[in-house]
């Protein structure tokens, strides 16, 4: 059994949990004009997307 199948649910949960602060930081950073929060939101959303792509197959 490959590591992707073995840890699929844990990685899906992690991916979802990375999207939540990413969207919250994007919202808060957009409202306040804080570029640091917007940059952090890109990092969280990017990591969540990367994990989702890794377990896709």
C-alpha atoms as a PDB file:
ATOM      1  CA  UNK A   1       0.000   0.000   0.000  1.00  0.00           C
ATOM      2  CA  UNK A   2       1.407   3.390  -0.973  1.00  0.00           C
ATOM      3  CA  UNK A   3       1.873   6.213   1.514  1.00  0.00           C
ATOM      4  CA  UNK A   4      -0.780   8.242  -0.319  1.00  0.00           C
ATOM      5  CA  UNK A   5      -3.466   5.661   0.270  1.00  0.00           C
ATOM      6  CA  UNK A   6      -2.321   4.989   3.813  1.00  0.00           C
ATOM      7  CA  UNK A   7      -2.439   8.635   4.915  1.00  0.00           C
ATOM      8  CA  UNK A   8      -5.111   9.945   2.547  1.00  0.00           C
ATOM      9  CA  UNK A   9      -7.685  10.988   5.157  1.00  0.00           C
ATOM     10  CA  UNK A  10      -5.104  12.647   7.399  1.00  0.00           C
ATOM     11  CA  UNK A  11      -3.716  14.627   4.467  1.00  0.00           C
ATOM     12  CA  UNK A  12      -7.200  15.656   3.350  1.00  0.00           C
ATOM     13  CA  UNK A  13      -7.932  16.936   6.856  1.00  0.00           C
ATOM     14  CA  UNK A  14      -4.632  18.826   6.898  1.00  0.00           C
ATOM     15  CA  UNK A  15      -5.355  20.343   3.502  1.00  0.00           C
ATOM     16  CA  UNK A  16      -8.780  21.495   4.646  1.00  0.00           C
ATOM     17  CA  UNK A  17      -7.366  22.904   7.882  1.00  0.00           C
ATOM     18  CA  UNK A  18      -4.819  24.929   5.886  1.00  0.00           C
ATOM     19  CA  UNK A  19      -7.529  26.466   3.715  1.00  0.00           C
ATOM     20  CA  UNK A  20      -9.474  27.852   6.685  1.00  0.00           C
ATOM     21  CA  UNK A  21      -6.792  30.246   8.019  1.00  0.00           C
ATOM     22  CA  UNK A  22      -5.841  31.080   4.448  1.00  0.00           C
ATOM     23  CA  UNK A  23      -9.291  32.388   3.617  1.00  0.00           C
ATOM     24  CA  UNK A  24      -9.651  34.138   6.976  1.00  0.00           C
ATOM     25  CA  UNK A  25      -6.302  35.902   6.550  1.00  0.00           C
ATOM     26  CA  UNK A  26      -7.184  36.885   2.988  1.00  0.00           C
ATOM     27  CA  UNK A  27     -10.445  38.409   4.176  1.00  0.00           C
ATOM     28  CA  UNK A  28      -8.915  40.253   7.118  1.00  0.00           C
ATOM     29  CA  UNK A  29      -5.902  41.400   5.135  1.00  0.00           C
ATOM     30  CA  UNK A  30      -8.083  42.636   2.308  1.00  0.00           C
ATOM     31  CA  UNK A  31     -10.293  44.639   4.637  1.00  0.00           C
ATOM     32  CA  UNK A  32      -7.420  46.240   6.523  1.00  0.00           C
ATOM     33  CA  UNK A  33      -5.004  46.544   3.592  1.00  0.00           C
ATOM     34  CA  UNK A  34      -2.385  44.470   5.420  1.00  0.00           C
ATOM     35  CA  UNK A  35      -0.078  42.914   2.820  1.00  0.00           C
ATOM     36  CA  UNK A  36       1.526  40.567   5.368  1.00  0.00           C
ATOM     37  CA  UNK A  37      -1.811  38.873   6.073  1.00  0.00           C
ATOM     38  CA  UNK A  38      -2.509  38.584   2.359  1.00  0.00           C
ATOM     39  CA  UNK A  39       0.918  37.037   1.784  1.00  0.00           C
ATOM     40  CA  UNK A  40       0.385  34.560   4.602  1.00  0.00           C
ATOM     41  CA  UNK A  41      -2.993  33.642   3.142  1.00  0.00           C
ATOM     42  CA  UNK A  42      -1.313  32.815  -0.181  1.00  0.00           C
ATOM     43  CA  UNK A  43       1.154  30.590   1.683  1.00  0.00           C
ATOM     44  CA  UNK A  44      -1.593  28.697   3.549  1.00  0.00           C
ATOM     45  CA  UNK A  45      -3.767  28.265   0.459  1.00  0.00           C
ATOM     46  CA  UNK A  46      -0.748  27.250  -1.611  1.00  0.00           C
ATOM     47  CA  UNK A  47       0.286  24.578   0.888  1.00  0.00           C
ATOM     48  CA  UNK A  48      -3.257  23.262   1.087  1.00  0.00           C
ATOM     49  CA  UNK A  49      -3.460  23.069  -2.693  1.00  0.00           C
ATOM     50  CA  UNK A  50      -0.087  21.350  -2.937  1.00  0.00           C
ATOM     51  CA  UNK A  51      -1.127  18.692  -0.427  1.00  0.00           C
ATOM     52  CA  UNK A  52      -4.397  18.156  -2.300  1.00  0.00           C
ATOM     53  CA  UNK A  53      -2.474  17.708  -5.557  1.00  0.00           C
ATOM     54  CA  UNK A  54      -0.074  15.228  -3.962  1.00  0.00           C
ATOM     55  CA  UNK A  55      -2.851  12.912  -2.790  1.00  0.00           C
ATOM     56  CA  UNK A  56      -4.928  13.256  -5.949  1.00  0.00           C
ATOM     57  CA  UNK A  57      -3.544  10.128  -7.610  1.00  0.00           C
END
